[in-house]
Amino acid sequence: MRTAKGDFGRELRLAAAELRTLRALHGDPTLAQIAARAPRGQHLSASGISAALRGRTLPSRDYYLTLVRVLLAYDTNKIASLQHPDLPQWRDRWQRLSLLRHAENSNTPASLPTGHHAALSEQVVLAALRRGEHVQLPPTAEDLGGVWAVAFSPDGHLLATGHGAKTVQLWDTVAQRRAGPALFGHTDRVTSVAFSPDGRLLATGSEDATARLWDVESRTLVAEPLHTSGFGDSLLFAPDGRSLYVQGRTIRRWDITDPRQPQKTEKHFASNLTSAPALSTEGLLITGHAEGVAHLWKAPEQTRIDAPLRGHASDVTALALSPHNDLLATGSEDVQLWDVRTRQMIHEPLECPGDMVTEMAFSPDGHILVAISGDRVSDAPEDPDFHFSIWETATWTELPSPQIGHNGHVAASAFSPDSRLFATGGTDGMLRIRTLPTAIPNEPAAT
């Protein structure tokens, strides 16, 4: 079991950053102004507020929640009520911090949930998987503007989502709840999110034709917006984290060796794109184009290599690289499988319901390939017909698939790093997280 040593300080700093964000969002009052707004019978001091905002100490529960209530509604000239819908997450945050502090002070392991299954009822999930059943968790979010982008952090503890409401939200995958306030900065729909390989940076792209870099721990912007050649449809970090590839009408590489001062490369490449690109850990970039064409590029040099892959009759609409970079799946009206080294198709096309593959991904353990497909034009756009297709990669046997679970188009999807969770975001405003039938771990040892 993981101990809490060192976690308290990190969590306290994170909570302080969230308080500072809350303060900035609601008028950015001074310490004296915050203290003066304390409700009758409660006392807030400038020094105590400063200590909480800087993460120097954890105040009492009442002091902490009073401060939160003042900040939550400061710009309305009122105090947030005890029934304010955002207050429960702050109560939970204080409780977690208190437990971590107690564990650290007593030098004993913290009895806190760790890993995905703490919040997913692990035994139920594993038993269902062994029976060949799919487990679908309750929807996590609701956003009338749609959930347009999803990405897990490298350690799987956070999930980032991009929203039609111009915001980015981070989620605690263990507790299945928001990990702090939303991130504001974009002026239009957020259509792409990506974590850096070390998990310290979050890149976000938007239809405002910018990409932005955020410090994950402090939840603050680290640089000026990166201007793109159109909508920020896709973002890819290089494996070493020193480059960021931003897709608009074309793709441009930014040198982010110093993320505070991103440097734009002179040329951009890959025009007439019809899908999000894919990037291997070896620096091979694949792009999808009209008329069934996929191009391969040396990403650092931004040079195209060899002849294009041609197999589909229609536009390439989705791409996925296997974890070992040896297999490429291209999606259009069907799914085609290619040997990356020989550039040859290795299997007959895999059929999907509908007439277009919109999302596709290999599980990080390489055991399954998931495709989401639907219709190009729907007679009932509020209820389009989208489907899951799942194949086992050892034999390319199709597995039973769950219901899609969205009442709109599926706009984004992502696997967790351990392959156990699969998240989808939709134009219906829902974020759904599922457990799909990939490799099933051994039973946890009895303790």
Protein backbone atom coordinates (compact mmCIF):
# COMPACT_ATOMS: atom_id res chain seq x y z
CA MET A 1 0.00 0.00 0.00
CA ARG A 2 1.30 3.44 -0.90
CA THR A 3 2.02 5.68 2.07
CA ALA A 4 1.00 9.28 2.24
CA LYS A 5 4.47 10.61 3.03
CA GLY A 6 5.09 13.64 0.81
CA ASP A 7 1.54 13.60 -0.51
CA PHE A 8 0.21 16.08 2.04
CA GLY A 9 2.50 18.88 0.94
CA ARG A 10 1.78 18.27 -2.74
CA GLU A 11 -1.99 18.10 -2.18
CA LEU A 12 -1.90 21.19 0.02
CA ARG A 13 -0.12 23.17 -2.72
CA LEU A 14 -2.65 21.92 -5.27
CA ALA A 15 -5.56 22.93 -3.05
CA ALA A 16 -4.00 26.36 -2.57
CA ALA A 17 -3.70 26.79 -6.34
CA GLU A 18 -7.40 25.97 -6.66
CA LEU A 19 -8.25 28.57 -4.03
CA ARG A 20 -6.22 31.16 -5.93
CA THR A 21 -8.08 30.26 -9.13
CA LEU A 22 -11.39 30.61 -7.30
CA ARG A 23 -10.32 34.02 -6.03
CA ALA A 24 -9.33 35.17 -9.54
CA LEU A 25 -12.60 33.97 -11.06
CA HIS A 26 -14.76 35.91 -8.62
CA GLY A 27 -13.35 39.42 -8.69
CA ASP A 28 -9.79 38.89 -7.36
CA PRO A 29 -10.46 40.62 -4.02
CA THR A 30 -7.65 41.69 -1.70
CA LEU A 31 -6.95 39.83 1.53
CA ALA A 32 -8.58 42.64 3.51
CA GLN A 33 -11.67 42.56 1.30
CA ILE A 34 -12.00 38.80 1.77
CA ALA A 35 -11.64 39.11 5.54
CA ALA A 36 -14.25 41.87 5.68
CA ARG A 37 -16.78 39.68 3.88
CA ALA A 38 -16.72 36.91 6.53
CA PRO A 39 -20.24 36.10 7.78
CA ARG A 40 -21.32 37.06 11.28
CA GLY A 41 -19.88 34.75 13.89
CA GLN A 42 -16.95 33.73 11.66
CA HIS A 43 -13.50 35.33 11.65
CA LEU A 44 -11.07 35.48 8.75
CA SER A 45 -7.72 37.23 9.12
CA ALA A 46 -5.52 38.51 6.31
CA SER A 47 -2.60 36.40 7.57
CA GLY A 48 -4.74 33.26 7.79
CA ILE A 49 -6.16 33.80 4.31
CA SER A 50 -2.66 34.37 2.93
CA ALA A 51 -1.40 31.14 4.52
CA ALA A 52 -4.28 29.17 2.98
CA LEU A 53 -3.82 30.73 -0.47
CA ARG A 54 -0.08 30.01 -0.42
CA GLY A 55 -0.43 26.45 0.86
CA ARG A 56 1.53 27.11 4.04
CA THR A 57 -0.93 25.46 6.40
CA LEU A 58 -4.27 23.67 6.47
CA PRO A 59 -6.75 25.72 8.53
CA SER A 60 -9.62 24.26 10.48
CA ARG A 61 -12.56 22.85 8.54
CA ASP A 62 -14.84 25.77 9.46
CA TYR A 63 -12.21 28.36 8.55
CA TYR A 64 -11.46 26.66 5.22
CA LEU A 65 -15.12 26.37 4.20
CA THR A 66 -15.86 29.94 5.30
CA LEU A 67 -13.05 31.15 3.06
CA VAL A 68 -14.41 29.06 0.17
CA ARG A 69 -17.95 30.39 0.69
CA VAL A 70 -16.68 33.97 0.59
CA LEU A 71 -14.68 33.37 -2.60
CA LEU A 72 -17.43 31.41 -4.36
CA ALA A 73 -19.80 34.37 -4.37
CA TYR A 74 -17.58 37.40 -3.81
CA ASP A 75 -18.48 39.03 -7.14
CA THR A 76 -22.19 38.81 -6.26
CA ASN A 77 -21.76 40.74 -2.99
CA LYS A 78 -23.17 37.73 -1.14
CA ILE A 79 -21.95 34.72 0.82
CA ALA A 80 -22.38 31.33 -0.83
CA SER A 81 -24.96 29.29 1.05
CA LEU A 82 -24.19 26.00 2.77
CA GLN A 83 -26.24 24.36 -0.01
CA HIS A 84 -24.09 25.79 -2.82
CA PRO A 85 -23.58 22.97 -5.38
CA ASP A 86 -19.79 23.48 -5.50
CA LEU A 87 -19.29 23.28 -1.74
CA PRO A 88 -19.25 19.45 -1.40
CA GLN A 89 -16.07 19.11 -3.47
CA TRP A 90 -14.33 21.60 -1.17
CA ARG A 91 -15.50 19.70 1.90
CA ASP A 92 -14.10 16.51 0.36
CA ARG A 93 -10.84 18.26 -0.44
CA TRP A 94 -10.41 19.41 3.17
CA GLN A 95 -11.24 15.92 4.47
CA ARG A 96 -8.64 14.34 2.19
CA LEU A 97 -6.03 16.86 3.26
CA SER A 98 -6.84 16.22 6.91
CA LEU A 99 -6.40 12.45 6.45
CA LEU A 100 -3.11 12.93 4.64
CA ARG A 101 -1.82 15.26 7.35
CA HIS A 102 -2.79 12.76 10.04
CA ALA A 103 -1.10 9.91 8.18
CA GLU A 104 2.08 11.92 7.69
CA ASN A 105 2.19 13.09 11.30
CA SER A 106 1.65 9.59 12.65
CA ASN A 107 4.12 8.08 10.17
CA THR A 108 1.63 5.37 9.22
CA PRO A 109 0.27 4.44 5.82
CA ALA A 110 -2.74 6.49 4.79
CA SER A 111 -5.86 4.42 4.31
CA LEU A 112 -6.83 6.40 1.22
CA PRO A 113 -8.02 4.96 -2.08
CA THR A 114 -5.30 4.54 -4.70
CA GLY A 115 -5.62 3.37 -8.28
CA HIS A 116 -8.69 3.36 -10.48
CA HIS A 117 -10.56 0.55 -8.75
CA ALA A 118 -10.92 2.32 -5.41
CA ALA A 119 -13.86 4.20 -6.89
CA LEU A 120 -14.94 1.49 -9.34
CA SER A 121 -15.77 -1.33 -6.92
CA GLU A 122 -12.84 -3.47 -8.05
CA GLN A 123 -14.24 -6.86 -7.19
CA VAL A 124 -17.48 -6.15 -9.05
CA VAL A 125 -15.59 -4.90 -12.09
CA LEU A 126 -13.23 -7.86 -12.24
CA ALA A 127 -16.01 -10.39 -11.72
CA ALA A 128 -18.04 -8.82 -14.51
CA LEU A 129 -15.07 -8.90 -16.86
CA ARG A 130 -14.46 -12.56 -16.15
CA ARG A 131 -18.07 -13.23 -17.11
CA GLY A 132 -17.45 -11.38 -20.36
CA GLU A 133 -19.68 -8.47 -19.36
CA HIS A 134 -19.00 -4.80 -19.95
CA VAL A 135 -19.13 -2.35 -17.08
CA GLN A 136 -20.41 1.16 -17.76
CA LEU A 137 -20.12 3.73 -15.03
CA PRO A 138 -22.65 6.50 -14.48
CA PRO A 139 -22.05 9.62 -16.58
CA THR A 140 -19.52 11.91 -14.95
CA ALA A 141 -20.36 15.30 -16.43
CA GLU A 142 -23.08 17.21 -18.14
CA ASP A 143 -22.28 20.17 -20.35
CA LEU A 144 -24.88 21.63 -22.68
CA GLY A 145 -22.07 22.75 -25.00
CA GLY A 146 -20.76 19.21 -25.43
CA VAL A 147 -17.65 17.32 -24.32
CA TRP A 148 -15.30 17.60 -27.31
CA ALA A 149 -11.96 16.28 -26.03
CA VAL A 150 -10.72 13.74 -23.47
CA ALA A 151 -7.24 12.63 -22.35
CA PHE A 152 -5.85 10.71 -19.37
CA SER A 153 -2.68 11.82 -17.60
CA PRO A 154 0.31 9.45 -17.93
CA ASP A 155 -0.22 8.10 -14.39
CA GLY A 156 -3.97 7.72 -14.97
CA HIS A 157 -4.90 9.78 -11.92
CA LEU A 158 -6.34 12.68 -13.90
CA LEU A 159 -8.67 12.96 -16.87
CA ALA A 160 -8.81 16.21 -18.85
CA THR A 161 -11.89 17.21 -20.84
CA GLY A 162 -12.47 20.03 -23.32
CA HIS A 163 -15.91 21.61 -23.43
CA GLY A 164 -18.18 23.57 -25.72
CA ALA A 165 -18.46 26.10 -22.90
CA LYS A 166 -14.86 27.22 -23.73
CA THR A 167 -13.48 25.53 -20.61
CA VAL A 168 -11.17 22.69 -19.65
CA GLN A 169 -11.94 20.47 -16.67
CA LEU A 170 -9.67 18.09 -14.77
CA TRP A 171 -11.21 15.03 -13.10
CA ASP A 172 -9.99 12.81 -10.28
CA THR A 173 -10.33 9.31 -11.78
CA VAL A 174 -10.26 7.65 -8.37
CA ALA A 175 -13.02 9.72 -6.80
CA GLN A 176 -14.89 10.24 -10.09
CA ARG A 177 -15.32 13.96 -9.47
CA ARG A 178 -13.89 17.28 -10.55
CA ALA A 179 -10.31 17.93 -9.50
CA GLY A 180 -10.76 21.63 -8.87
CA PRO A 181 -12.38 24.49 -10.77
CA ALA A 182 -12.51 24.63 -14.56
CA LEU A 183 -9.65 26.23 -16.51
CA PHE A 184 -10.62 29.39 -18.38
CA GLY A 185 -8.72 31.07 -21.20
CA HIS A 186 -10.06 29.96 -24.58
CA THR A 187 -12.70 32.05 -26.31
CA ASP A 188 -14.36 29.23 -28.27
CA ARG A 189 -15.06 25.50 -28.04
CA VAL A 190 -12.13 23.42 -26.71
CA THR A 191 -11.60 20.58 -29.18
CA SER A 192 -8.35 18.92 -28.07
CA VAL A 193 -6.44 18.18 -24.87
CA ALA A 194 -3.14 16.35 -24.31
CA PHE A 195 -0.81 15.73 -21.37
CA SER A 196 2.97 15.92 -21.75
CA PRO A 197 4.82 12.60 -21.29
CA ASP A 198 5.89 13.58 -17.76
CA GLY A 199 2.37 14.75 -16.87
CA ARG A 200 3.49 18.23 -15.86
CA LEU A 201 1.98 20.12 -18.79
CA LEU A 202 -1.48 20.09 -20.32
CA ALA A 203 -1.94 21.36 -23.88
CA THR A 204 -5.38 22.52 -25.00
CA GLY A 205 -6.59 23.45 -28.49
CA SER A 206 -9.67 25.40 -29.46
CA GLU A 207 -11.77 26.68 -32.31
CA ASP A 208 -10.46 30.12 -31.33
CA ALA A 209 -7.40 29.11 -33.43
CA THR A 210 -5.04 28.90 -30.45
CA ALA A 211 -3.34 26.23 -28.39
CA ARG A 212 -2.44 26.86 -24.76
CA LEU A 213 -0.02 25.29 -22.30
CA TRP A 214 -0.97 24.85 -18.65
CA ASP A 215 1.00 23.83 -15.58
CA VAL A 216 -0.96 20.85 -14.26
CA GLU A 217 -0.03 21.33 -10.61
CA SER A 218 -0.75 25.06 -10.38
CA ARG A 219 -3.52 25.06 -13.03
CA THR A 220 -2.01 28.21 -14.56
CA LEU A 221 -0.96 29.15 -18.09
CA VAL A 222 2.78 28.92 -18.63
CA ALA A 223 3.05 30.80 -21.94
CA GLU A 224 1.26 33.10 -24.34
CA PRO A 225 -1.27 31.39 -26.65
CA LEU A 226 0.16 29.50 -29.64
CA HIS A 227 -1.60 30.63 -32.81
CA THR A 228 -2.66 27.85 -35.18
CA SER A 229 -3.54 27.63 -38.88
CA GLY A 230 -7.22 27.15 -38.14
CA PHE A 231 -9.03 25.24 -35.41
CA GLY A 232 -6.80 23.47 -32.87
CA ASP A 233 -8.17 20.07 -33.86
CA SER A 234 -5.42 17.86 -32.45
CA LEU A 235 -2.35 18.10 -30.21
CA LEU A 236 0.53 15.64 -29.95
CA PHE A 237 3.55 15.82 -27.63
CA ALA A 238 6.79 14.32 -28.90
CA PRO A 239 7.95 11.34 -26.80
CA ASP A 240 10.72 13.44 -25.21
CA GLY A 241 8.27 16.24 -24.39
CA ARG A 242 10.39 18.85 -26.19
CA SER A 243 8.05 19.36 -29.16
CA LEU A 244 4.33 19.91 -29.55
CA TYR A 245 2.61 19.20 -32.87
CA VAL A 246 -0.50 21.32 -33.39
CA GLN A 247 -3.04 20.48 -36.09
CA GLY A 248 -5.12 23.19 -37.74
CA ARG A 249 -5.52 23.32 -41.50
CA THR A 250 -1.93 22.00 -41.48
CA ILE A 251 0.44 20.72 -38.79
CA ARG A 252 3.11 22.86 -37.17
CA ARG A 253 5.80 21.85 -34.71
CA TRP A 254 6.53 24.05 -31.70
CA ASP A 255 9.77 23.70 -29.76
CA ILE A 256 8.76 23.68 -26.08
CA THR A 257 12.12 22.79 -24.57
CA ASP A 258 11.37 25.85 -22.44
CA PRO A 259 7.56 25.72 -22.21
CA ARG A 260 7.50 29.31 -20.99
CA GLN A 261 8.89 30.43 -24.36
CA PRO A 262 7.59 28.14 -27.14
CA GLN A 263 9.39 28.56 -30.45
CA LYS A 264 7.45 28.12 -33.70
CA THR A 265 9.25 26.24 -36.47
CA GLU A 266 9.42 27.97 -39.83
CA LYS A 267 7.44 25.55 -41.96
CA HIS A 268 4.18 23.70 -41.53
CA PHE A 269 3.27 20.49 -43.30
CA ALA A 270 0.49 18.02 -44.17
CA SER A 271 -2.39 19.86 -45.85
CA ASN A 272 -5.93 18.66 -46.69
CA LEU A 273 -6.19 16.69 -43.46
CA THR A 274 -9.30 14.57 -42.85
CA SER A 275 -8.39 12.99 -39.49
CA ALA A 276 -6.38 13.59 -36.36
CA PRO A 277 -2.74 12.47 -36.85
CA ALA A 278 -0.97 9.70 -34.95
CA LEU A 279 2.59 9.86 -33.58
CA SER A 280 4.81 6.92 -32.67
CA THR A 281 7.31 6.84 -29.83
CA GLU A 282 9.99 6.64 -32.52
CA GLY A 283 9.02 9.95 -34.11
CA LEU A 284 6.95 8.64 -37.03
CA LEU A 285 3.92 10.84 -37.75
CA ILE A 286 0.96 9.52 -39.76
CA THR A 287 -1.64 11.80 -41.35
CA GLY A 288 -5.00 10.96 -42.96
CA HIS A 289 -6.21 12.60 -46.16
CA ALA A 290 -8.94 12.58 -48.79
CA GLU A 291 -9.45 9.72 -51.24
CA GLY A 292 -8.19 7.06 -48.86
CA VAL A 293 -4.62 8.31 -48.54
CA ALA A 294 -2.40 8.15 -45.44
CA HIS A 295 1.06 9.76 -45.42
CA LEU A 296 4.03 8.92 -43.18
CA TRP A 297 6.41 11.63 -41.99
CA LYS A 298 9.64 11.96 -40.07
CA ALA A 299 8.17 14.22 -37.42
CA PRO A 300 11.29 16.09 -36.20
CA GLU A 301 12.41 16.86 -39.77
CA GLN A 302 8.82 17.35 -41.02
CA THR A 303 9.66 15.40 -44.19
CA ARG A 304 7.42 12.86 -45.92
CA ILE A 305 8.78 9.35 -46.40
CA ASP A 306 8.00 6.72 -49.01
CA ALA A 307 4.84 6.47 -51.06
CA PRO A 308 1.48 7.01 -49.36
CA LEU A 309 -0.68 4.17 -48.08
CA ARG A 310 -3.73 3.72 -50.31
CA GLY A 311 -6.53 1.33 -49.47
CA HIS A 312 -9.78 3.09 -48.69
CA ALA A 313 -12.22 4.35 -51.29
CA SER A 314 -13.19 7.36 -49.17
CA ASP A 315 -11.47 9.85 -46.85
CA VAL A 316 -9.33 8.52 -44.02
CA THR A 317 -11.26 9.64 -40.93
CA ALA A 318 -9.38 7.95 -38.05
CA LEU A 319 -5.88 6.64 -37.29
CA ALA A 320 -4.45 4.48 -34.51
CA LEU A 321 -0.94 3.16 -33.85
CA SER A 322 -0.34 0.03 -31.79
CA PRO A 323 1.67 0.45 -28.57
CA HIS A 324 4.77 -1.15 -30.13
CA ASN A 325 4.52 1.11 -33.21
CA ASP A 326 4.48 -1.89 -35.55
CA LEU A 327 0.83 -1.81 -36.59
CA LEU A 328 -1.25 1.02 -38.04
CA ALA A 329 -5.04 1.00 -38.23
CA THR A 330 -6.70 3.38 -40.68
CA GLY A 331 -10.41 4.09 -40.52
CA SER A 332 -12.83 5.20 -43.22
CA GLU A 333 -15.89 3.19 -44.26
CA ASP A 334 -14.07 0.22 -42.72
CA VAL A 335 -10.86 -0.41 -40.76
CA GLN A 336 -7.66 -1.47 -42.54
CA LEU A 337 -4.54 -2.84 -40.84
CA TRP A 338 -1.01 -2.09 -42.03
CA ASP A 339 2.49 -3.28 -41.15
CA VAL A 340 4.32 -0.03 -40.41
CA ARG A 341 7.71 -1.41 -41.50
CA THR A 342 6.68 -2.97 -44.83
CA ARG A 343 3.77 -0.57 -45.54
CA GLN A 344 1.69 -3.62 -46.51
CA MET A 345 -1.87 -4.44 -45.47
CA ILE A 346 -1.81 -7.48 -43.18
CA HIS A 347 -5.48 -8.44 -42.87
CA GLU A 348 -8.72 -8.16 -44.72
CA PRO A 349 -10.68 -4.99 -43.84
CA LEU A 350 -12.66 -5.03 -40.60
CA GLU A 351 -16.29 -4.08 -41.08
CA CYS A 352 -18.05 -1.51 -38.85
CA PRO A 353 -21.70 -0.46 -38.56
CA GLY A 354 -22.62 2.82 -40.23
CA ASP A 355 -20.67 4.40 -43.04
CA MET A 356 -17.79 6.19 -41.28
CA VAL A 357 -15.29 5.41 -38.51
CA THR A 358 -14.98 8.53 -36.34
CA GLU A 359 -12.78 7.40 -33.42
CA MET A 360 -10.25 4.58 -33.09
CA ALA A 361 -7.69 3.47 -30.49
CA PHE A 362 -5.55 0.50 -29.48
CA SER A 363 -5.59 -0.29 -25.78
CA PRO A 364 -2.17 0.58 -24.29
CA ASP A 365 -1.58 -3.11 -23.51
CA GLY A 366 -2.18 -3.86 -27.21
CA HIS A 367 -4.84 -6.52 -26.64
CA ILE A 368 -7.81 -4.82 -28.28
CA LEU A 369 -8.65 -2.27 -30.96
CA VAL A 370 -11.73 -0.10 -30.46
CA ALA A 371 -13.52 1.77 -33.26
CA ILE A 372 -16.51 4.09 -33.01
CA SER A 373 -18.54 4.45 -36.18
CA GLY A 374 -21.69 6.21 -37.32
CA ASP A 375 -23.43 7.85 -40.22
CA ARG A 376 -22.11 10.85 -42.12
CA VAL A 377 -25.57 12.41 -42.33
CA SER A 378 -28.30 11.56 -39.85
CA ASP A 379 -32.00 12.16 -40.36
CA ALA A 380 -32.19 12.65 -36.60
CA PRO A 381 -29.01 14.54 -35.64
CA GLU A 382 -30.06 14.68 -31.99
CA ASP A 383 -30.05 10.88 -31.88
CA PRO A 384 -27.48 9.62 -34.41
CA ASP A 385 -26.73 5.95 -34.76
CA PHE A 386 -23.23 5.39 -33.35
CA HIS A 387 -21.68 2.03 -32.46
CA PHE A 388 -18.71 0.42 -30.75
CA SER A 389 -16.68 -2.24 -32.54
CA ILE A 390 -14.04 -4.13 -30.53
CA TRP A 391 -11.51 -6.66 -31.85
CA GLU A 392 -9.00 -8.85 -30.08
CA THR A 393 -5.70 -8.14 -31.83
CA ALA A 394 -4.21 -11.64 -31.49
CA THR A 395 -6.79 -13.16 -33.86
CA TRP A 396 -8.83 -10.12 -34.98
CA THR A 397 -11.91 -11.76 -33.57
CA GLU A 398 -14.71 -9.26 -32.98
CA LEU A 399 -15.87 -9.11 -29.37
CA PRO A 400 -19.36 -8.26 -28.07
CA SER A 401 -19.72 -4.49 -27.84
CA PRO A 402 -21.58 -2.33 -25.30
CA GLN A 403 -24.16 0.28 -26.17
CA ILE A 404 -22.63 3.61 -27.12
CA GLY A 405 -24.47 5.42 -24.32
CA HIS A 406 -24.61 8.87 -25.93
CA ASN A 407 -27.62 10.72 -27.32
CA GLY A 408 -25.49 12.59 -29.81
CA HIS A 409 -22.29 12.32 -31.79
CA VAL A 410 -19.28 10.83 -30.01
CA ALA A 411 -16.73 13.63 -30.26
CA ALA A 412 -13.74 12.17 -28.38
CA SER A 413 -12.39 9.00 -26.79
CA ALA A 414 -9.33 7.82 -24.84
CA PHE A 415 -7.94 4.81 -22.98
CA SER A 416 -6.43 5.09 -19.52
CA PRO A 417 -2.71 4.15 -19.42
CA ASP A 418 -3.45 0.80 -17.71
CA SER A 419 -6.02 -0.10 -20.43
CA ARG A 420 -8.81 -0.65 -17.89
CA LEU A 421 -10.86 2.49 -18.55
CA PHE A 422 -12.22 3.93 -21.79
CA ALA A 423 -13.65 7.45 -21.75
CA THR A 424 -15.92 9.02 -24.34
CA GLY A 425 -17.22 12.56 -24.68
CA GLY A 426 -20.26 13.50 -26.71
CA THR A 427 -22.17 16.38 -28.19
CA ASP A 428 -24.93 15.44 -25.72
CA GLY A 429 -22.69 16.94 -23.04
CA MET A 430 -21.96 13.63 -21.32
CA LEU A 431 -18.62 12.17 -20.26
CA ARG A 432 -18.86 8.39 -19.94
CA ILE A 433 -16.22 6.04 -18.55
CA ARG A 434 -16.34 2.31 -19.23
CA THR A 435 -14.40 -0.81 -18.49
CA LEU A 436 -13.84 -2.77 -21.70
CA PRO A 437 -12.70 -6.41 -22.08
CA THR A 438 -8.94 -6.10 -22.33
CA ALA A 439 -6.33 -8.04 -20.33
CA ILE A 440 -7.79 -9.05 -16.96
CA PRO A 441 -5.37 -8.76 -14.03
CA ASN A 442 -4.94 -11.41 -11.41
CA GLU A 443 -7.09 -11.31 -8.28
CA PRO A 444 -5.60 -8.95 -5.70
CA ALA A 445 -3.86 -10.82 -2.96
CA ALA A 446 -5.80 -11.14 0.27
CA THR A 447 -4.58 -8.91 3.06
